[in-house]
N, C-alpha and C. Protein backbone atom coordinates (compact mmCIF):
# COMPACT_ATOMS: atom_id res chain seq x y z
N GLY A 1 0.82 -1.35 0.05
CA GLY A 1 0.07 -0.15 0.14
C GLY A 1 0.81 1.15 0.08
N VAL A 2 2.18 1.03 0.10
CA VAL A 2 3.04 2.38 -0.03
C VAL A 2 2.63 3.35 -1.08
N VAL A 3 2.43 2.77 -2.37
CA VAL A 3 2.24 3.72 -3.38
C VAL A 3 1.07 4.42 -3.09
N LEU A 4 -0.04 4.21 -2.37
CA LEU A 4 -0.95 5.07 -2.12
C LEU A 4 -1.07 6.13 -1.47
N LYS A 5 -0.10 6.73 -0.87
CA LYS A 5 0.24 8.01 -0.29
C LYS A 5 0.99 8.72 -1.10
N ALA A 6 0.78 9.86 -1.44
CA ALA A 6 1.92 10.69 -2.43
C ALA A 6 2.99 11.28 -1.88
N VAL A 7 3.23 11.27 -0.42
CA VAL A 7 4.54 11.44 0.10
C VAL A 7 5.52 10.22 -0.14
N ASN A 8 4.82 8.88 -0.04
CA ASN A 8 5.66 7.68 -0.61
C ASN A 8 6.17 7.92 -1.77
N ARG A 9 5.08 8.10 -2.84
CA ARG A 9 5.29 8.23 -4.25
C ARG A 9 6.40 9.36 -4.38
N ALA A 10 6.41 10.45 -3.59
CA ALA A 10 7.69 11.24 -4.19
C ALA A 10 8.82 10.61 -3.38
N THR A 11 9.03 10.04 -2.58
CA THR A 11 10.08 9.31 -2.21
C THR A 11 10.62 8.10 -3.11
N LEU A 12 9.61 7.77 -3.78
CA LEU A 12 10.18 6.41 -4.62
C LEU A 12 10.48 7.24 -5.77
N GLY A 13 9.92 8.48 -6.35
CA GLY A 13 10.56 8.97 -7.21
C GLY A 13 11.97 9.27 -7.44
N LYS A 14 12.58 9.47 -6.10
CA LYS A 14 13.92 9.83 -5.73
C LYS A 14 14.94 8.65 -6.09
N GLY A 15 14.47 7.62 -6.53
CA GLY A 15 15.35 6.25 -6.73
C GLY A 15 14.64 5.87 -8.28
N VAL A 16 14.98 4.53 -8.63
CA VAL A 16 14.42 4.04 -9.55
C VAL A 16 13.24 2.88 -9.54
N VAL A 17 12.31 3.40 -9.82
CA VAL A 17 10.84 2.59 -9.82
C VAL A 17 10.72 1.71 -11.21
N VAL A 18 10.72 0.40 -10.90
CA VAL A 18 10.23 -0.53 -12.22
C VAL A 18 8.89 -0.99 -11.74
N TYR A 19 7.83 -0.92 -12.62
CA TYR A 19 6.67 -1.23 -12.40
C TYR A 19 6.73 -2.74 -12.88
N LEU A 20 6.39 -3.60 -12.40
CA LEU A 20 6.30 -5.30 -12.78
C LEU A 20 4.67 -5.12 -13.16
N GLN A 21 4.20 -5.17 -14.30
CA GLN A 21 2.85 -5.11 -14.45
C GLN A 21 2.43 -6.67 -14.29
N ALA A 22 1.34 -7.14 -14.06
CA ALA A 22 0.79 -8.44 -14.01
C ALA A 22 -0.46 -8.51 -14.21
N ASP A 23 -1.18 -9.41 -14.92
CA ASP A 23 -2.29 -9.75 -15.20
C ASP A 23 -3.02 -10.16 -13.82
N PRO A 24 -4.22 -9.61 -13.30
CA PRO A 24 -4.93 -10.11 -11.80
C PRO A 24 -5.25 -11.55 -11.59
N GLU A 25 -5.47 -12.10 -13.34
CA GLU A 25 -5.80 -13.45 -12.94
C GLU A 25 -4.49 -14.20 -12.84
N LYS A 26 -3.30 -13.83 -13.13
CA LYS A 26 -2.23 -14.61 -13.22
C LYS A 26 -1.85 -14.64 -11.59
N VAL A 27 -1.76 -13.23 -11.34
CA VAL A 27 -1.36 -13.29 -9.73
C VAL A 27 -2.31 -13.85 -8.81
N VAL A 28 -3.51 -14.34 -9.01
CA VAL A 28 -4.52 -14.89 -8.09
C VAL A 28 -3.82 -16.16 -8.43
N ALA A 29 -3.76 -16.81 -9.44
CA ALA A 29 -3.18 -18.30 -9.94
C ALA A 29 -1.78 -18.54 -9.32
N ARG A 30 -0.95 -17.63 -9.03
CA ARG A 30 0.38 -17.80 -8.41
C ARG A 30 -0.10 -17.64 -6.96
N LEU A 31 -0.83 -16.88 -6.36
CA LEU A 31 -1.46 -16.99 -5.01
C LEU A 31 -1.61 -18.37 -4.42
N MET A 32 -2.77 -18.66 -5.30
CA MET A 32 -3.28 -20.35 -5.06
C MET A 32 -2.26 -21.22 -4.89
N ALA A 33 -1.35 -21.25 -6.21
CA ALA A 33 -0.40 -22.21 -6.26
C ALA A 33 0.74 -22.10 -4.92
N GLU A 34 1.10 -20.99 -4.70
CA GLU A 34 2.14 -20.72 -3.55
C GLU A 34 1.66 -20.75 -2.02
N LEU A 35 0.31 -20.49 -1.66
CA LEU A 35 -0.24 -20.23 -0.34
C LEU A 35 -1.29 -21.06 -0.14
N LYS A 36 -1.35 -21.51 0.80
CA LYS A 36 -2.48 -22.13 1.66
C LYS A 36 -3.38 -21.16 2.10
N PRO A 37 -4.53 -21.31 2.07
CA PRO A 37 -5.62 -20.32 2.35
C PRO A 37 -4.98 -19.58 3.78
N GLU A 38 -4.80 -20.63 4.47
CA GLU A 38 -4.42 -20.24 6.00
C GLU A 38 -3.35 -19.11 6.04
N GLN A 39 -2.29 -19.36 5.08
CA GLN A 39 -0.94 -18.53 5.39
C GLN A 39 -1.49 -16.88 4.75
N ARG A 40 -2.52 -17.12 4.13
CA ARG A 40 -2.74 -15.42 3.45
C ARG A 40 -4.53 -15.29 3.60
N PRO A 41 -4.47 -14.62 4.86
CA PRO A 41 -5.73 -14.48 5.25
C PRO A 41 -6.39 -13.19 4.24
N ALA A 42 -7.79 -12.91 4.30
CA ALA A 42 -8.38 -12.13 3.27
C ALA A 42 -8.04 -10.63 4.07
N LEU A 43 -8.17 -9.59 3.26
CA LEU A 43 -8.03 -8.29 3.65
C LEU A 43 -9.15 -7.62 3.95
N THR A 44 -10.09 -8.17 2.92
CA THR A 44 -11.60 -7.42 2.74
C THR A 44 -12.36 -8.63 2.91
N GLY A 45 -13.73 -8.60 2.66
CA GLY A 45 -14.82 -9.82 2.36
C GLY A 45 -15.01 -10.18 1.07
N LEU A 46 -14.07 -9.67 0.40
CA LEU A 46 -14.00 -10.17 -0.90
C LEU A 46 -13.53 -11.51 -1.27
N SER A 47 -13.87 -12.01 -2.67
CA SER A 47 -13.01 -12.73 -2.81
C SER A 47 -11.66 -12.83 -3.18
N LEU A 48 -10.72 -13.68 -3.09
CA LEU A 48 -9.28 -13.52 -3.72
C LEU A 48 -9.26 -12.85 -4.76
N GLU A 49 -9.90 -13.44 -6.12
CA GLU A 49 -10.26 -12.67 -7.42
C GLU A 49 -10.59 -11.52 -7.27
N ASP A 50 -11.57 -11.02 -6.39
CA ASP A 50 -12.08 -9.48 -6.38
C ASP A 50 -11.35 -8.69 -6.13
N GLU A 51 -10.54 -9.21 -4.74
CA GLU A 51 -9.98 -8.47 -3.88
C GLU A 51 -8.70 -8.12 -4.96
N VAL A 52 -7.94 -8.66 -5.55
CA VAL A 52 -6.85 -8.60 -6.43
C VAL A 52 -6.97 -7.71 -7.58
N ARG A 53 -8.22 -8.10 -8.17
CA ARG A 53 -8.56 -7.09 -9.59
C ARG A 53 -8.75 -5.77 -8.84
N ARG A 54 -9.61 -5.50 -7.72
CA ARG A 54 -9.77 -4.38 -7.03
C ARG A 54 -8.42 -3.87 -6.88
N THR A 55 -7.69 -4.34 -5.83
CA THR A 55 -6.17 -3.54 -5.66
C THR A 55 -5.28 -3.16 -6.88
N VAL A 56 -5.40 -4.25 -7.76
CA VAL A 56 -4.59 -3.59 -9.26
C VAL A 56 -5.23 -2.51 -9.66
N ALA A 57 -6.64 -2.61 -9.92
CA ALA A 57 -7.39 -1.37 -10.15
C ALA A 57 -7.04 0.15 -9.89
N GLU A 58 -6.89 -0.19 -8.41
CA GLU A 58 -6.70 0.76 -7.63
C GLU A 58 -5.43 1.37 -7.40
N ARG A 59 -4.60 0.49 -7.74
CA ARG A 59 -2.81 0.87 -7.64
C ARG A 59 -2.35 1.01 -8.94
N ASP A 60 -2.91 0.54 -10.09
CA ASP A 60 -2.39 0.95 -11.20
C ASP A 60 -1.94 2.14 -11.36
N PRO A 61 -2.93 3.07 -11.34
CA PRO A 61 -2.77 4.79 -11.67
C PRO A 61 -1.49 5.15 -10.98
N TYR A 62 -1.49 4.64 -9.95
CA TYR A 62 -0.21 5.08 -8.83
C TYR A 62 1.03 4.98 -9.35
N TYR A 63 1.03 3.53 -9.39
CA TYR A 63 2.45 2.93 -9.96
C TYR A 63 2.80 3.53 -11.31
N MET A 64 1.58 3.75 -12.31
CA MET A 64 2.14 4.43 -13.69
C MET A 64 2.68 5.92 -13.39
N SER A 65 1.99 6.36 -12.52
CA SER A 65 2.54 7.64 -12.14
C SER A 65 3.84 7.79 -11.70
N CYS A 66 4.33 6.96 -10.99
CA CYS A 66 5.80 6.93 -10.35
C CYS A 66 7.00 6.15 -10.60
N ALA A 67 6.31 5.00 -11.80
CA ALA A 67 7.30 4.35 -12.48
C ALA A 67 8.68 5.09 -13.51
N HIS A 68 9.80 4.93 -13.46
CA HIS A 68 10.59 5.21 -14.42
C HIS A 68 10.82 4.14 -15.60
N MET A 69 10.31 3.00 -15.27
CA MET A 69 10.16 1.88 -16.14
C MET A 69 8.91 1.12 -16.06
N ILE A 70 8.30 0.52 -17.03
CA ILE A 70 7.00 -0.31 -16.97
C ILE A 70 7.27 -1.39 -17.86
N ALA A 71 7.20 -2.50 -17.05
CA ALA A 71 7.82 -4.14 -17.51
C ALA A 71 6.84 -4.69 -17.59
N PRO A 72 5.64 -4.72 -18.85
CA PRO A 72 4.73 -5.66 -18.87
C PRO A 72 5.24 -7.21 -18.54
N GLU A 73 4.28 -7.92 -18.08
CA GLU A 73 4.72 -9.44 -17.86
C GLU A 73 4.98 -10.31 -18.94
N ALA A 74 6.34 -10.83 -18.69
CA ALA A 74 7.16 -11.84 -19.58
C ALA A 74 7.95 -12.68 -18.68
N PRO A 75 8.48 -13.53 -19.25
CA PRO A 75 9.25 -14.40 -18.66
C PRO A 75 10.50 -13.86 -17.84
N LEU A 76 10.70 -14.55 -16.64
CA LEU A 76 11.38 -14.01 -16.13
C LEU A 76 13.11 -13.70 -16.67
N GLU A 77 13.34 -14.31 -17.71
CA GLU A 77 14.63 -14.05 -17.89
C GLU A 77 14.52 -12.71 -19.28
N VAL A 78 13.54 -12.65 -19.52
CA VAL A 78 13.17 -11.75 -20.63
C VAL A 78 13.04 -10.18 -19.73
N LEU A 79 12.45 -10.34 -18.53
CA LEU A 79 12.28 -9.16 -17.79
C LEU A 79 13.40 -8.74 -17.37
N ALA A 80 14.39 -9.74 -16.98
CA ALA A 80 15.70 -9.38 -16.28
C ALA A 80 16.76 -8.65 -17.18
N GLU A 81 16.45 -9.36 -18.42
CA GLU A 81 17.61 -8.76 -19.66
C GLU A 81 16.94 -7.25 -19.95
N ARG A 82 15.75 -7.11 -19.88
CA ARG A 82 14.87 -6.06 -20.42
C ARG A 82 15.30 -4.70 -19.44
N ILE A 83 15.06 -5.19 -18.27
CA ILE A 83 15.11 -4.09 -16.80
C ILE A 83 16.70 -3.81 -16.88
N SER A 84 17.39 -4.83 -17.08
CA SER A 84 18.91 -4.62 -16.78
C SER A 84 19.85 -3.52 -17.76
N ARG A 85 18.81 -3.86 -19.11
CA ARG A 85 19.22 -2.81 -20.52
C ARG A 85 18.99 -1.43 -20.33
N GLU A 86 17.55 -1.16 -19.56
CA GLU A 86 17.26 -0.16 -19.39
C GLU A 86 17.64 0.59 -18.52
N LEU A 87 17.98 -0.19 -17.44
CA LEU A 87 19.03 0.67 -16.06
C LEU A 87 20.30 0.97 -16.46
N GLU A 88 20.98 0.34 -17.41
CA GLU A 88 22.07 0.81 -18.12
C GLU A 88 22.27 1.95 -18.96
N ASP A 89 21.12 1.85 -19.92
CA ASP A 89 20.81 3.37 -20.14
C ASP A 89 20.44 4.45 -19.74
N TRP A 90 19.65 4.15 -18.46
CA TRP A 90 19.25 5.34 -17.75
C TRP A 90 20.38 5.69 -16.93
N THR A 91 21.20 4.86 -16.67
CA THR A 91 22.21 5.27 -15.51
C THR A 91 23.88 5.76 -16.38
N ALA A 92 23.81 5.69 -17.54
CA ALA A 92 24.67 5.93 -18.67
C ALA A 92 24.63 7.58 -18.74
């Protein structure tokens, strides 16, 4: 929830922010595969799917506004290479 506060976004802007975008359905699938229900208590009365969709929809504009780099979902190796290359360009 850090990105929800303007003061935090301003602080983030002093560094390099990489927004790793992910499809909400894939986030849910990862959570379901990695965690047992008791390991991740619900934050709201919503289903996990609805909670993730709502959280992504709420936070996406904030991440977009403070990100120096936006990395759409891709295989890990592709993301790592893309981010590494862009960071090299950014710091050069």
